[in-house]
N, C-alpha and C. Protein backbone atom coordinates (compact mmCIF):
# COMPACT_ATOMS: atom_id res chain seq x y z
N UNK A 1 0.82 -1.19 0.00
CA UNK A 1 0.00 0.00 0.00
C UNK A 1 0.87 1.26 0.00
N UNK A 2 1.88 1.25 0.86
CA UNK A 2 2.78 2.39 0.91
C UNK A 2 3.48 2.60 -0.42
N UNK A 3 3.83 1.54 -1.06
CA UNK A 3 4.52 1.62 -2.32
C UNK A 3 3.64 2.30 -3.39
N UNK A 4 2.37 1.96 -3.36
CA UNK A 4 1.44 2.57 -4.32
C UNK A 4 1.27 4.06 -4.04
N UNK A 5 1.18 4.43 -2.79
CA UNK A 5 1.02 5.84 -2.45
C UNK A 5 2.28 6.61 -2.85
N UNK A 6 3.45 6.05 -2.54
CA UNK A 6 4.70 6.71 -2.92
C UNK A 6 4.83 6.82 -4.44
N UNK A 7 4.45 5.78 -5.13
CA UNK A 7 4.50 5.80 -6.60
C UNK A 7 3.56 6.87 -7.15
N UNK A 8 2.36 6.94 -6.60
CA UNK A 8 1.39 7.94 -7.06
C UNK A 8 1.90 9.35 -6.79
N UNK A 9 2.49 9.57 -5.61
CA UNK A 9 3.04 10.89 -5.29
C UNK A 9 4.21 11.23 -6.20
N UNK A 10 5.04 10.27 -6.48
CA UNK A 10 6.19 10.50 -7.35
C UNK A 10 5.72 10.87 -8.77
N UNK A 11 4.77 10.13 -9.27
CA UNK A 11 4.24 10.41 -10.62
C UNK A 11 3.57 11.78 -10.65
N UNK A 12 2.79 12.08 -9.62
CA UNK A 12 2.10 13.37 -9.56
C UNK A 12 3.11 14.51 -9.50
N UNK A 13 4.18 14.36 -8.72
CA UNK A 13 5.16 15.44 -8.61
C UNK A 13 5.95 15.58 -9.91
N UNK A 14 6.24 14.48 -10.59
CA UNK A 14 6.93 14.56 -11.87
C UNK A 14 6.06 15.26 -12.93
N UNK A 15 4.79 14.92 -12.94
CA UNK A 15 3.89 15.56 -13.89
C UNK A 15 3.75 17.05 -13.60
N UNK A 16 3.61 17.40 -12.34
CA UNK A 16 3.45 18.81 -11.98
C UNK A 16 4.73 19.58 -12.28
N UNK A 17 5.87 19.01 -11.97
CA UNK A 17 7.14 19.66 -12.22
C UNK A 17 7.41 19.77 -13.72
N UNK A 18 7.09 18.74 -14.44
CA UNK A 18 7.30 18.74 -15.89
C UNK A 18 6.45 19.80 -16.56
N UNK A 19 5.23 19.96 -16.12
CA UNK A 19 4.35 20.95 -16.72
C UNK A 19 4.80 22.37 -16.38
N UNK A 20 5.23 22.55 -15.14
CA UNK A 20 5.63 23.90 -14.72
C UNK A 20 6.95 24.30 -15.35
N UNK A 21 7.82 23.35 -15.61
CA UNK A 21 9.15 23.66 -16.11
C UNK A 21 9.15 23.90 -17.62
N UNK A 22 8.14 23.41 -18.32
CA UNK A 22 8.16 23.59 -19.77
C UNK A 22 7.77 25.03 -20.11
N UNK A 23 8.54 25.65 -20.98
CA UNK A 23 8.25 27.03 -21.34
C UNK A 23 6.98 27.10 -22.18
N UNK A 24 6.33 28.24 -22.13
CA UNK A 24 5.13 28.37 -22.95
C UNK A 24 5.51 28.34 -24.44
N UNK A 25 4.60 27.89 -25.24
CA UNK A 25 4.92 27.84 -26.67
C UNK A 25 5.12 29.26 -27.21
N UNK A 26 6.01 29.41 -28.16
CA UNK A 26 6.26 30.75 -28.68
C UNK A 26 5.00 31.31 -29.36
N UNK A 27 4.80 32.58 -29.13
CA UNK A 27 3.63 33.20 -29.77
C UNK A 27 3.95 33.41 -31.24
N UNK A 28 2.95 33.21 -32.07
CA UNK A 28 3.24 33.38 -33.49
C UNK A 28 3.58 34.83 -33.80
N UNK A 29 4.63 35.00 -34.59
CA UNK A 29 5.01 36.37 -34.95
C UNK A 29 4.06 36.86 -36.03
N UNK A 30 3.75 38.13 -35.97
CA UNK A 30 2.84 38.65 -36.99
C UNK A 30 3.51 38.54 -38.36
N UNK A 31 2.79 37.98 -39.28
CA UNK A 31 3.37 37.83 -40.61
C UNK A 31 2.91 38.97 -41.49
N UNK A 32 3.83 39.45 -42.24
CA UNK A 32 3.53 40.52 -43.17
C UNK A 32 3.54 39.91 -44.56
N UNK A 33 2.44 40.03 -45.24
CA UNK A 33 2.34 39.46 -46.58
C UNK A 33 3.29 40.20 -47.51
N UNK A 34 4.04 39.46 -48.30
CA UNK A 34 4.94 40.13 -49.24
C UNK A 34 4.13 40.87 -50.29
N UNK A 35 4.69 41.94 -50.76
CA UNK A 35 4.02 42.71 -51.81
C UNK A 35 4.27 41.98 -53.13
N UNK A 36 3.21 41.66 -53.81
CA UNK A 36 3.35 40.92 -55.06
C UNK A 36 3.32 41.87 -56.25
N UNK A 37 3.77 41.39 -57.37
CA UNK A 37 3.81 42.21 -58.58
C UNK A 37 2.42 42.73 -58.95
N UNK A 38 1.34 41.91 -58.90
CA UNK A 38 0.02 42.48 -59.21
C UNK A 38 -0.36 43.63 -58.29
N UNK A 39 0.03 43.58 -57.03
CA UNK A 39 -0.27 44.68 -56.11
C UNK A 39 0.49 45.94 -56.51
N UNK A 40 1.74 45.77 -56.92
CA UNK A 40 2.55 46.91 -57.36
C UNK A 40 1.94 47.49 -58.64
N UNK A 41 1.57 46.60 -59.58
CA UNK A 41 0.94 47.06 -60.82
C UNK A 41 -0.31 47.87 -60.52
N UNK A 42 -1.16 47.36 -59.65
CA UNK A 42 -2.41 48.05 -59.30
C UNK A 42 -2.12 49.40 -58.66
N UNK A 43 -1.09 49.47 -57.83
CA UNK A 43 -0.74 50.74 -57.18
C UNK A 43 -0.28 51.75 -58.22
N UNK A 44 0.52 51.31 -59.20
CA UNK A 44 0.96 52.22 -60.26
C UNK A 44 -0.23 52.71 -61.08
N UNK A 45 -1.11 51.78 -61.45
CA UNK A 45 -2.28 52.16 -62.25
C UNK A 45 -3.11 53.20 -61.51
N UNK A 46 -3.39 52.92 -60.24
CA UNK A 46 -4.21 53.84 -59.44
C UNK A 46 -3.55 55.21 -59.32
N UNK A 47 -2.26 55.23 -59.06
CA UNK A 47 -1.54 56.51 -58.90
C UNK A 47 -1.57 57.33 -60.18
N UNK A 48 -1.35 56.66 -61.30
CA UNK A 48 -1.37 57.38 -62.58
C UNK A 48 -2.78 57.88 -62.88
N UNK A 49 -3.79 57.05 -62.66
CA UNK A 49 -5.17 57.47 -62.91
C UNK A 49 -5.56 58.68 -62.07
N UNK A 50 -5.13 58.68 -60.82
CA UNK A 50 -5.43 59.82 -59.94
C UNK A 50 -4.80 61.10 -60.49
N UNK A 51 -3.56 60.98 -60.94
CA UNK A 51 -2.89 62.17 -61.49
C UNK A 51 -3.56 62.66 -62.76
N UNK A 52 -3.94 61.73 -63.64
CA UNK A 52 -4.58 62.12 -64.89
C UNK A 52 -5.95 62.76 -64.63
N UNK A 53 -6.73 62.19 -63.73
CA UNK A 53 -8.06 62.73 -63.43
C UNK A 53 -7.97 64.03 -62.65
N UNK A 54 -6.88 64.25 -61.96
CA UNK A 54 -6.69 65.48 -61.20
C UNK A 54 -6.14 66.63 -62.03
N UNK A 55 -5.76 66.33 -63.26
CA UNK A 55 -5.21 67.35 -64.14
C UNK A 55 -6.35 68.01 -64.92
N UNK A 56 -6.45 69.33 -64.87
CA UNK A 56 -7.55 70.05 -65.51
C UNK A 56 -7.61 69.81 -67.02
N UNK A 57 -6.46 69.70 -67.67
CA UNK A 57 -6.43 69.50 -69.11
C UNK A 57 -6.84 68.08 -69.51
N UNK A 58 -6.57 67.10 -68.65
CA UNK A 58 -6.77 65.70 -69.02
C UNK A 58 -7.95 65.03 -68.34
N UNK A 59 -8.57 65.70 -67.39
CA UNK A 59 -9.63 65.06 -66.59
C UNK A 59 -10.78 64.53 -67.45
N UNK A 60 -11.09 65.20 -68.53
CA UNK A 60 -12.23 64.77 -69.34
C UNK A 60 -11.85 63.79 -70.45
N UNK A 61 -10.57 63.53 -70.61
CA UNK A 61 -10.12 62.62 -71.67
C UNK A 61 -10.26 61.17 -71.21
N UNK A 62 -10.45 60.29 -72.18
CA UNK A 62 -10.58 58.86 -71.90
C UNK A 62 -9.22 58.19 -72.11
N UNK A 63 -8.46 58.10 -71.03
CA UNK A 63 -7.13 57.50 -71.11
C UNK A 63 -7.13 56.25 -70.24
N UNK A 64 -6.81 55.12 -70.86
CA UNK A 64 -6.71 53.85 -70.12
C UNK A 64 -5.28 53.68 -69.63
N UNK A 65 -5.16 53.11 -68.44
CA UNK A 65 -3.84 52.90 -67.84
C UNK A 65 -3.72 51.44 -67.42
N UNK A 66 -2.65 50.80 -67.86
CA UNK A 66 -2.32 49.46 -67.39
C UNK A 66 -0.86 49.48 -66.97
N UNK A 67 -0.47 48.46 -66.23
CA UNK A 67 0.93 48.40 -65.77
C UNK A 67 1.39 46.96 -65.72
N UNK A 68 2.68 46.81 -65.93
CA UNK A 68 3.32 45.52 -65.76
C UNK A 68 4.69 45.80 -65.15
N UNK A 69 4.79 45.51 -63.86
CA UNK A 69 6.03 45.83 -63.16
C UNK A 69 6.22 47.33 -63.08
N UNK A 70 7.37 47.80 -63.53
CA UNK A 70 7.67 49.24 -63.46
C UNK A 70 7.31 49.99 -64.74
N UNK A 71 6.61 49.31 -65.66
CA UNK A 71 6.21 49.93 -66.93
C UNK A 71 4.72 50.21 -66.94
N UNK A 72 4.35 51.44 -67.30
CA UNK A 72 2.95 51.85 -67.41
C UNK A 72 2.64 52.03 -68.89
N UNK A 73 1.46 51.53 -69.29
CA UNK A 73 1.01 51.68 -70.67
C UNK A 73 -0.20 52.61 -70.68
N UNK A 74 -0.11 53.65 -71.48
CA UNK A 74 -1.22 54.60 -71.64
C UNK A 74 -1.83 54.37 -73.01
N UNK A 75 -3.17 54.35 -73.07
CA UNK A 75 -3.84 54.22 -74.36
C UNK A 75 -5.13 55.04 -74.33
N UNK A 76 -5.66 55.33 -75.51
CA UNK A 76 -6.86 56.13 -75.62
C UNK A 76 -6.62 57.26 -76.61
N UNK A 77 -7.45 58.27 -76.53
CA UNK A 77 -7.30 59.41 -77.44
C UNK A 77 -7.39 60.72 -76.67
N UNK A 78 -6.68 61.71 -77.17
CA UNK A 78 -6.72 63.07 -76.62
C UNK A 78 -6.83 64.04 -77.78
N UNK A 79 -7.09 65.30 -77.46
CA UNK A 79 -7.31 66.30 -78.49
C UNK A 79 -6.07 66.88 -79.11
N UNK A 80 -4.96 66.91 -78.35
CA UNK A 80 -3.75 67.55 -78.88
C UNK A 80 -2.50 66.74 -78.53
N UNK A 81 -1.43 67.03 -79.26
CA UNK A 81 -0.14 66.39 -78.98
C UNK A 81 0.38 66.82 -77.61
N UNK A 82 0.08 68.06 -77.22
CA UNK A 82 0.49 68.55 -75.89
C UNK A 82 -0.17 67.73 -74.78
N UNK A 83 -1.44 67.40 -74.96
CA UNK A 83 -2.14 66.58 -73.95
C UNK A 83 -1.55 65.17 -73.89
N UNK A 84 -1.18 64.64 -75.03
CA UNK A 84 -0.55 63.32 -75.08
C UNK A 84 0.76 63.34 -74.29
N UNK A 85 1.56 64.37 -74.53
CA UNK A 85 2.85 64.50 -73.83
C UNK A 85 2.64 64.74 -72.34
N UNK A 86 1.63 65.53 -72.01
CA UNK A 86 1.34 65.82 -70.59
C UNK A 86 0.96 64.55 -69.85
N UNK A 87 0.14 63.70 -70.47
CA UNK A 87 -0.25 62.43 -69.85
C UNK A 87 0.98 61.57 -69.58
N UNK A 88 1.89 61.52 -70.54
CA UNK A 88 3.11 60.74 -70.36
C UNK A 88 3.96 61.30 -69.22
N UNK A 89 4.09 62.61 -69.17
CA UNK A 89 4.88 63.25 -68.11
C UNK A 89 4.28 62.96 -66.73
N UNK A 90 2.97 63.03 -66.63
CA UNK A 90 2.32 62.74 -65.35
C UNK A 90 2.55 61.29 -64.94
N UNK A 91 2.47 60.37 -65.89
CA UNK A 91 2.70 58.96 -65.59
C UNK A 91 4.14 58.75 -65.12
N UNK A 92 5.09 59.39 -65.78
CA UNK A 92 6.51 59.25 -65.39
C UNK A 92 6.79 59.81 -64.00
N UNK A 93 5.96 60.74 -63.57
CA UNK A 93 6.20 61.39 -62.27
C UNK A 93 5.77 60.51 -61.08
N UNK A 94 5.13 59.39 -61.35
CA UNK A 94 4.69 58.50 -60.27
C UNK A 94 5.89 57.68 -59.78
N UNK A 95 6.06 57.66 -58.48
CA UNK A 95 7.17 56.92 -57.87
C UNK A 95 7.08 55.44 -58.24
N UNK A 96 8.18 54.89 -58.69
CA UNK A 96 8.23 53.48 -59.05
C UNK A 96 8.01 53.21 -60.52
N UNK A 97 7.51 54.18 -61.25
CA UNK A 97 7.32 54.01 -62.68
C UNK A 97 8.64 54.34 -63.38
N UNK A 98 9.19 53.36 -64.06
CA UNK A 98 10.47 53.54 -64.74
C UNK A 98 10.30 53.80 -66.23
N UNK A 99 9.26 53.20 -66.83
CA UNK A 99 9.05 53.34 -68.27
C UNK A 99 7.59 53.64 -68.53
N UNK A 100 7.32 54.41 -69.57
CA UNK A 100 5.96 54.69 -70.00
C UNK A 100 5.86 54.35 -71.49
N UNK A 101 4.95 53.45 -71.80
CA UNK A 101 4.66 53.10 -73.19
C UNK A 101 3.42 53.92 -73.57
N UNK A 102 3.64 55.01 -74.27
CA UNK A 102 2.56 55.94 -74.59
C UNK A 102 1.92 55.56 -75.92
N UNK A 103 0.75 54.93 -75.85
CA UNK A 103 0.01 54.53 -77.04
C UNK A 103 -1.20 55.44 -77.29
N UNK A 104 -1.21 56.59 -76.63
CA UNK A 104 -2.31 57.53 -76.79
C UNK A 104 -2.27 58.11 -78.21
N UNK A 105 -3.44 58.19 -78.82
CA UNK A 105 -3.55 58.76 -80.16
C UNK A 105 -4.17 60.14 -80.05
N UNK A 106 -3.76 61.02 -80.95
CA UNK A 106 -4.31 62.37 -81.02
C UNK A 106 -5.47 62.34 -82.02
N UNK A 107 -6.63 62.79 -81.56
CA UNK A 107 -7.81 62.85 -82.44
C UNK A 107 -7.54 63.84 -83.56
N UNK A 108 -7.95 63.49 -84.78
CA UNK A 108 -7.79 64.46 -85.87
C UNK A 108 -8.69 65.67 -85.63
N UNK A 109 -8.18 66.82 -86.02
CA UNK A 109 -8.96 68.06 -85.86
C UNK A 109 -10.19 68.00 -86.75
N UNK A 110 -11.30 68.51 -86.24
CA UNK A 110 -12.56 68.45 -87.02
C UNK A 110 -12.92 69.79 -87.57
């Protein structure tokens, strides 16, 4: 009988000590999702669109903007060569844009 009681006490103390001595599991570190190329493309497109729509000369023009990496593609039509050049300059002024493929066409004068 004594042996059983001593064995039970020994097991209980080992379990209690083992549980208390084990460190808590590490808390998961907050993970930051990497920025992907489509996210960068979308950011460039949005930034260029905001600049074009905010420009008094170009706000009413229909200019499409797409991006692939650091290259922005402009397409659509504008009334003058100056507006075409202005759209390209605004696109180039966006941080992260390295190249502008300007496919904007100038509408013929009527």
